[in-house]
Amino acid sequence: MMELITQEKIVLITGFLLIGIGLWAILSRSNIIKIIIGFSLFDTGIHMVMVSIAYVKGNTAPILNDAVDKSNAAAQIVDPVPQALVLTAIVIGLGITALMLVFALKMYKKKETLEINNYKELRW
């Protein structure tokens, strides 16, 4: 009998697909904007994977209220650390994406192209 696909598995699979698509875009595209979009997809995929791995079915949010038995609270609540890490990573990813877009704009103003192959001075 086939096991049902749960929501956690769907999020995990989608996260890995986004990581793969983002990595492919970063490594195979020559347009700087497409590379930045690939980075953003890669970043979002990592966030989805981290959240889906940290999810514990049947547990509640880490808030001590009437829904949680105070004597056994540690076994009933979800660990908040992965969620906090993902929120921090989202903010950092947004900042890095904004910085990359500013660099792309500056590069476009200087050379009037976004093709990375036209920037010979950036090569080693």
N, C-alpha and C. Protein backbone atom coordinates (compact mmCIF):
# COMPACT_ATOMS: atom_id res chain seq x y z
N MET A 1 0.83 -1.17 0.00
CA MET A 1 0.00 0.00 0.00
C MET A 1 0.89 1.24 0.00
N MET A 2 0.54 2.20 -0.85
CA MET A 2 1.34 3.41 -0.99
C MET A 2 1.11 4.36 0.18
N GLU A 3 2.19 4.88 0.68
CA GLU A 3 2.09 5.85 1.78
C GLU A 3 1.64 7.20 1.21
N LEU A 4 0.77 7.85 1.95
CA LEU A 4 0.30 9.16 1.52
C LEU A 4 1.40 10.19 1.64
N ILE A 5 1.41 11.11 0.69
CA ILE A 5 2.39 12.19 0.75
C ILE A 5 1.84 13.26 1.69
N THR A 6 2.58 13.54 2.74
CA THR A 6 2.15 14.53 3.72
C THR A 6 2.58 15.92 3.29
N GLN A 7 2.03 16.92 3.96
CA GLN A 7 2.38 18.30 3.65
C GLN A 7 3.86 18.57 3.92
N GLU A 8 4.41 17.95 4.95
CA GLU A 8 5.82 18.15 5.25
C GLU A 8 6.70 17.67 4.11
N LYS A 9 6.33 16.52 3.53
CA LYS A 9 7.11 15.98 2.42
C LYS A 9 6.97 16.85 1.17
N ILE A 10 5.78 17.41 0.96
CA ILE A 10 5.59 18.30 -0.19
C ILE A 10 6.46 19.54 -0.04
N VAL A 11 6.51 20.11 1.16
CA VAL A 11 7.35 21.29 1.40
C VAL A 11 8.82 20.93 1.24
N LEU A 12 9.23 19.77 1.75
CA LEU A 12 10.62 19.33 1.64
C LEU A 12 11.01 19.12 0.18
N ILE A 13 10.17 18.44 -0.58
CA ILE A 13 10.46 18.20 -2.00
C ILE A 13 10.50 19.51 -2.78
N THR A 14 9.55 20.40 -2.50
CA THR A 14 9.53 21.70 -3.16
C THR A 14 10.78 22.50 -2.82
N GLY A 15 11.21 22.44 -1.57
CA GLY A 15 12.43 23.13 -1.17
C GLY A 15 13.65 22.62 -1.92
N PHE A 16 13.78 21.28 -2.04
CA PHE A 16 14.91 20.73 -2.78
C PHE A 16 14.84 21.07 -4.26
N LEU A 17 13.63 21.11 -4.82
CA LEU A 17 13.48 21.53 -6.23
C LEU A 17 13.92 22.98 -6.41
N LEU A 18 13.51 23.85 -5.50
CA LEU A 18 13.94 25.25 -5.58
C LEU A 18 15.45 25.39 -5.44
N ILE A 19 16.05 24.60 -4.57
CA ILE A 19 17.51 24.63 -4.43
C ILE A 19 18.16 24.21 -5.75
N GLY A 20 17.66 23.15 -6.36
CA GLY A 20 18.22 22.68 -7.63
C GLY A 20 18.05 23.69 -8.75
N ILE A 21 16.85 24.27 -8.86
CA ILE A 21 16.60 25.26 -9.91
C ILE A 21 17.47 26.50 -9.69
N GLY A 22 17.58 26.95 -8.44
CA GLY A 22 18.40 28.11 -8.13
C GLY A 22 19.87 27.87 -8.42
N LEU A 23 20.38 26.70 -8.04
CA LEU A 23 21.77 26.37 -8.31
C LEU A 23 22.03 26.29 -9.81
N TRP A 24 21.09 25.69 -10.55
CA TRP A 24 21.22 25.63 -12.00
C TRP A 24 21.26 27.04 -12.61
N ALA A 25 20.40 27.93 -12.13
CA ALA A 25 20.36 29.30 -12.66
C ALA A 25 21.65 30.05 -12.33
N ILE A 26 22.18 29.84 -11.13
CA ILE A 26 23.41 30.53 -10.75
C ILE A 26 24.58 30.08 -11.63
N LEU A 27 24.66 28.78 -11.90
CA LEU A 27 25.82 28.24 -12.60
C LEU A 27 25.71 28.30 -14.13
N SER A 28 24.51 28.36 -14.67
CA SER A 28 24.38 28.23 -16.12
C SER A 28 23.97 29.51 -16.84
N ARG A 29 23.50 30.50 -16.15
CA ARG A 29 23.04 31.74 -16.79
C ARG A 29 24.18 32.75 -16.87
N SER A 30 24.11 33.61 -17.88
CA SER A 30 25.13 34.65 -18.01
C SER A 30 24.56 36.04 -17.76
N ASN A 31 23.25 36.16 -17.64
CA ASN A 31 22.63 37.43 -17.32
C ASN A 31 22.65 37.62 -15.80
N ILE A 32 23.13 38.77 -15.37
CA ILE A 32 23.32 39.02 -13.93
C ILE A 32 21.99 38.98 -13.18
N ILE A 33 20.92 39.50 -13.76
CA ILE A 33 19.61 39.48 -13.09
C ILE A 33 19.12 38.04 -12.92
N LYS A 34 19.33 37.20 -13.92
CA LYS A 34 18.93 35.79 -13.81
C LYS A 34 19.74 35.06 -12.74
N ILE A 35 20.99 35.43 -12.59
CA ILE A 35 21.83 34.85 -11.53
C ILE A 35 21.30 35.27 -10.16
N ILE A 36 20.91 36.54 -10.04
CA ILE A 36 20.36 37.03 -8.77
C ILE A 36 19.04 36.33 -8.45
N ILE A 37 18.20 36.13 -9.45
CA ILE A 37 16.94 35.40 -9.24
C ILE A 37 17.24 33.96 -8.82
N GLY A 38 18.25 33.34 -9.44
CA GLY A 38 18.66 31.99 -9.05
C GLY A 38 19.11 31.94 -7.60
N PHE A 39 19.86 32.95 -7.17
CA PHE A 39 20.28 33.01 -5.76
C PHE A 39 19.07 33.10 -4.85
N SER A 40 18.10 33.91 -5.24
CA SER A 40 16.90 34.08 -4.41
C SER A 40 16.11 32.77 -4.32
N LEU A 41 16.00 32.05 -5.43
CA LEU A 41 15.32 30.75 -5.40
C LEU A 41 16.07 29.75 -4.53
N PHE A 42 17.39 29.73 -4.65
CA PHE A 42 18.23 28.85 -3.85
C PHE A 42 18.03 29.15 -2.36
N ASP A 43 18.04 30.42 -2.01
CA ASP A 43 17.88 30.87 -0.64
C ASP A 43 16.51 30.46 -0.08
N THR A 44 15.46 30.67 -0.87
CA THR A 44 14.11 30.29 -0.45
C THR A 44 13.98 28.79 -0.26
N GLY A 45 14.61 28.02 -1.15
CA GLY A 45 14.59 26.56 -1.02
C GLY A 45 15.24 26.09 0.27
N ILE A 46 16.35 26.71 0.63
CA ILE A 46 17.02 26.35 1.89
C ILE A 46 16.12 26.65 3.08
N HIS A 47 15.43 27.79 3.03
CA HIS A 47 14.52 28.13 4.13
C HIS A 47 13.40 27.10 4.25
N MET A 48 12.84 26.70 3.11
CA MET A 48 11.75 25.71 3.14
C MET A 48 12.23 24.37 3.68
N VAL A 49 13.43 23.96 3.30
CA VAL A 49 13.97 22.69 3.80
C VAL A 49 14.21 22.76 5.31
N MET A 50 14.76 23.86 5.77
CA MET A 50 15.01 24.00 7.22
C MET A 50 13.71 23.96 8.02
N VAL A 51 12.68 24.64 7.55
CA VAL A 51 11.40 24.65 8.27
C VAL A 51 10.75 23.27 8.23
N SER A 52 10.80 22.60 7.08
CA SER A 52 10.14 21.29 6.99
C SER A 52 10.85 20.22 7.81
N ILE A 53 12.16 20.33 7.94
CA ILE A 53 12.89 19.36 8.77
C ILE A 53 12.61 19.60 10.25
N ALA A 54 12.46 20.86 10.63
CA ALA A 54 12.24 21.19 12.05
C ALA A 54 10.79 20.99 12.49
N TYR A 55 9.88 20.74 11.55
CA TYR A 55 8.46 20.59 11.89
C TYR A 55 8.24 19.29 12.66
N VAL A 56 7.47 19.37 13.74
CA VAL A 56 7.11 18.19 14.54
C VAL A 56 5.59 18.11 14.58
N LYS A 57 5.04 17.07 13.99
CA LYS A 57 3.59 16.92 13.91
C LYS A 57 3.00 16.65 15.29
N GLY A 58 1.93 17.36 15.60
CA GLY A 58 1.23 17.14 16.85
C GLY A 58 1.66 18.04 18.00
N ASN A 59 2.77 18.72 17.84
CA ASN A 59 3.22 19.62 18.90
C ASN A 59 2.67 21.03 18.66
N THR A 60 2.77 21.86 19.66
CA THR A 60 2.20 23.19 19.60
C THR A 60 3.30 24.25 19.58
N ALA A 61 2.90 25.48 19.34
CA ALA A 61 3.85 26.60 19.32
C ALA A 61 4.50 26.75 20.70
N PRO A 62 5.71 27.29 20.74
CA PRO A 62 6.41 27.42 22.03
C PRO A 62 5.89 28.58 22.87
N ILE A 63 4.61 28.53 23.17
CA ILE A 63 3.96 29.53 24.03
C ILE A 63 3.29 28.78 25.17
N LEU A 64 3.63 29.10 26.37
CA LEU A 64 3.05 28.42 27.52
C LEU A 64 1.70 29.05 27.86
N ASN A 65 0.63 28.35 27.47
CA ASN A 65 -0.73 28.80 27.77
C ASN A 65 -1.55 27.58 28.19
N ASP A 66 -2.86 27.68 28.11
CA ASP A 66 -3.73 26.59 28.56
C ASP A 66 -3.64 25.35 27.68
N ALA A 67 -3.17 25.47 26.45
CA ALA A 67 -3.06 24.32 25.54
C ALA A 67 -1.90 23.41 25.91
N VAL A 68 -1.01 23.86 26.78
CA VAL A 68 0.19 23.10 27.13
C VAL A 68 0.13 22.72 28.60
N ASP A 69 0.36 21.44 28.88
CA ASP A 69 0.46 20.96 30.25
C ASP A 69 1.80 21.41 30.82
N LYS A 70 1.76 22.19 31.89
CA LYS A 70 2.97 22.81 32.43
C LYS A 70 3.98 21.79 32.95
N SER A 71 3.51 20.64 33.39
CA SER A 71 4.44 19.66 33.95
C SER A 71 5.24 18.94 32.87
N ASN A 72 4.73 18.90 31.63
CA ASN A 72 5.41 18.20 30.54
C ASN A 72 5.52 19.10 29.31
N ALA A 73 5.83 20.37 29.53
CA ALA A 73 5.82 21.36 28.45
C ALA A 73 6.89 21.10 27.40
N ALA A 74 8.06 20.63 27.80
CA ALA A 74 9.16 20.44 26.85
C ALA A 74 8.84 19.39 25.79
N ALA A 75 8.02 18.42 26.12
CA ALA A 75 7.67 17.37 25.16
C ALA A 75 6.51 17.78 24.25
N GLN A 76 5.82 18.85 24.59
CA GLN A 76 4.64 19.24 23.83
C GLN A 76 4.86 20.43 22.89
N ILE A 77 5.96 21.13 23.04
CA ILE A 77 6.16 22.32 22.21
C ILE A 77 7.23 22.06 21.15
N VAL A 78 7.18 22.85 20.10
CA VAL A 78 8.14 22.76 19.00
C VAL A 78 9.35 23.63 19.35
N ASP A 79 10.52 23.17 18.94
CA ASP A 79 11.74 23.94 19.19
C ASP A 79 11.71 25.24 18.37
N PRO A 80 11.81 26.39 19.01
CA PRO A 80 11.72 27.66 18.28
C PRO A 80 13.02 28.09 17.59
N VAL A 81 14.12 27.41 17.87
CA VAL A 81 15.41 27.84 17.32
C VAL A 81 15.46 27.76 15.79
N PRO A 82 15.02 26.66 15.15
CA PRO A 82 15.06 26.64 13.68
C PRO A 82 14.20 27.74 13.05
N GLN A 83 13.06 28.04 13.65
CA GLN A 83 12.22 29.11 13.12
C GLN A 83 12.93 30.45 13.24
N ALA A 84 13.59 30.69 14.35
CA ALA A 84 14.33 31.93 14.53
C ALA A 84 15.49 32.03 13.55
N LEU A 85 16.17 30.91 13.31
CA LEU A 85 17.26 30.91 12.34
C LEU A 85 16.76 31.22 10.94
N VAL A 86 15.62 30.65 10.57
CA VAL A 86 15.06 30.90 9.24
C VAL A 86 14.63 32.36 9.10
N LEU A 87 14.02 32.92 10.12
CA LEU A 87 13.65 34.33 10.06
C LEU A 87 14.88 35.22 9.91
N THR A 88 15.93 34.91 10.63
CA THR A 88 17.17 35.67 10.50
C THR A 88 17.76 35.49 9.11
N ALA A 89 17.73 34.27 8.58
CA ALA A 89 18.27 34.00 7.24
C ALA A 89 17.46 34.72 6.16
N ILE A 90 16.16 34.86 6.36
CA ILE A 90 15.34 35.58 5.39
C ILE A 90 15.77 37.04 5.33
N VAL A 91 15.98 37.64 6.48
CA VAL A 91 16.40 39.05 6.52
C VAL A 91 17.78 39.21 5.89
N ILE A 92 18.71 38.32 6.21
CA ILE A 92 20.05 38.40 5.63
C ILE A 92 19.99 38.18 4.12
N GLY A 93 19.19 37.21 3.66
CA GLY A 93 19.04 36.96 2.23
C GLY A 93 18.45 38.15 1.50
N LEU A 94 17.50 38.82 2.12
CA LEU A 94 16.92 40.02 1.52
C LEU A 94 17.96 41.12 1.37
N GLY A 95 18.78 41.29 2.40
CA GLY A 95 19.84 42.30 2.33
C GLY A 95 20.87 41.99 1.25
N ILE A 96 21.26 40.72 1.15
CA ILE A 96 22.23 40.33 0.13
C ILE A 96 21.64 40.49 -1.26
N THR A 97 20.38 40.13 -1.44
CA THR A 97 19.73 40.29 -2.73
C THR A 97 19.66 41.77 -3.12
N ALA A 98 19.31 42.63 -2.18
CA ALA A 98 19.27 44.06 -2.46
C ALA A 98 20.66 44.58 -2.84
N LEU A 99 21.69 44.12 -2.14
CA LEU A 99 23.05 44.53 -2.46
C LEU A 99 23.46 44.06 -3.86
N MET A 100 23.11 42.82 -4.21
CA MET A 100 23.42 42.32 -5.55
C MET A 100 22.70 43.12 -6.62
N LEU A 101 21.46 43.51 -6.36
CA LEU A 101 20.73 44.31 -7.34
C LEU A 101 21.34 45.70 -7.50
N VAL A 102 21.83 46.27 -6.42
CA VAL A 102 22.51 47.57 -6.51
C VAL A 102 23.79 47.44 -7.32
N PHE A 103 24.56 46.37 -7.08
CA PHE A 103 25.77 46.15 -7.88
C PHE A 103 25.43 45.95 -9.35
N ALA A 104 24.35 45.20 -9.63
CA ALA A 104 23.93 44.99 -11.02
C ALA A 104 23.55 46.31 -11.67
N LEU A 105 22.87 47.17 -10.94
CA LEU A 105 22.50 48.48 -11.48
C LEU A 105 23.74 49.32 -11.77
N LYS A 106 24.70 49.33 -10.86
CA LYS A 106 25.95 50.07 -11.07
C LYS A 106 26.72 49.52 -12.28
N MET A 107 26.75 48.19 -12.39
CA MET A 107 27.45 47.57 -13.52
C MET A 107 26.75 47.91 -14.83
N TYR A 108 25.43 47.92 -14.83
CA TYR A 108 24.69 48.26 -16.04
C TYR A 108 24.92 49.72 -16.43
N LYS A 109 24.96 50.61 -15.46
CA LYS A 109 25.21 52.02 -15.76
C LYS A 109 26.61 52.24 -16.34
N LYS A 110 27.56 51.42 -15.92
CA LYS A 110 28.93 51.58 -16.41
C LYS A 110 29.11 51.00 -17.81
N LYS A 111 28.60 49.80 -18.08
CA LYS A 111 28.84 49.12 -19.35
C LYS A 111 27.60 48.97 -20.23
N GLU A 112 26.42 49.29 -19.70
CA GLU A 112 25.14 49.18 -20.41
C GLU A 112 24.86 47.76 -20.91
N THR A 113 25.25 46.79 -20.13
CA THR A 113 24.94 45.39 -20.41
C THR A 113 24.88 44.63 -19.09
N LEU A 114 24.10 43.56 -19.09
CA LEU A 114 24.01 42.70 -17.91
C LEU A 114 24.58 41.31 -18.17
N GLU A 115 25.21 41.11 -19.32
CA GLU A 115 25.84 39.83 -19.64
C GLU A 115 27.19 39.76 -18.93
N ILE A 116 27.37 38.76 -18.12
CA ILE A 116 28.57 38.65 -17.29
C ILE A 116 29.81 38.41 -18.14
N ASN A 117 29.65 37.88 -19.34
CA ASN A 117 30.80 37.62 -20.21
C ASN A 117 31.42 38.91 -20.75
N ASN A 118 30.71 40.02 -20.68
CA ASN A 118 31.24 41.30 -21.17
C ASN A 118 32.09 42.03 -20.13
N TYR A 119 32.23 41.48 -18.97
CA TYR A 119 33.04 42.09 -17.92
C TYR A 119 34.35 41.34 -17.81
N LYS A 120 35.24 41.59 -18.74
CA LYS A 120 36.53 40.88 -18.80
C LYS A 120 37.44 41.22 -17.63
N GLU A 121 37.33 42.44 -17.10
CA GLU A 121 38.22 42.84 -16.00
C GLU A 121 37.91 42.10 -14.71
N LEU A 122 36.78 41.39 -14.64
CA LEU A 122 36.43 40.64 -13.43
C LEU A 122 37.06 39.25 -13.41
N ARG A 123 37.64 38.83 -14.52
CA ARG A 123 38.24 37.50 -14.59
C ARG A 123 39.58 37.47 -13.87
N TRP A 124 40.05 36.28 -13.52
CA TRP A 124 41.29 36.13 -12.78
C TRP A 124 42.46 36.24 -13.72
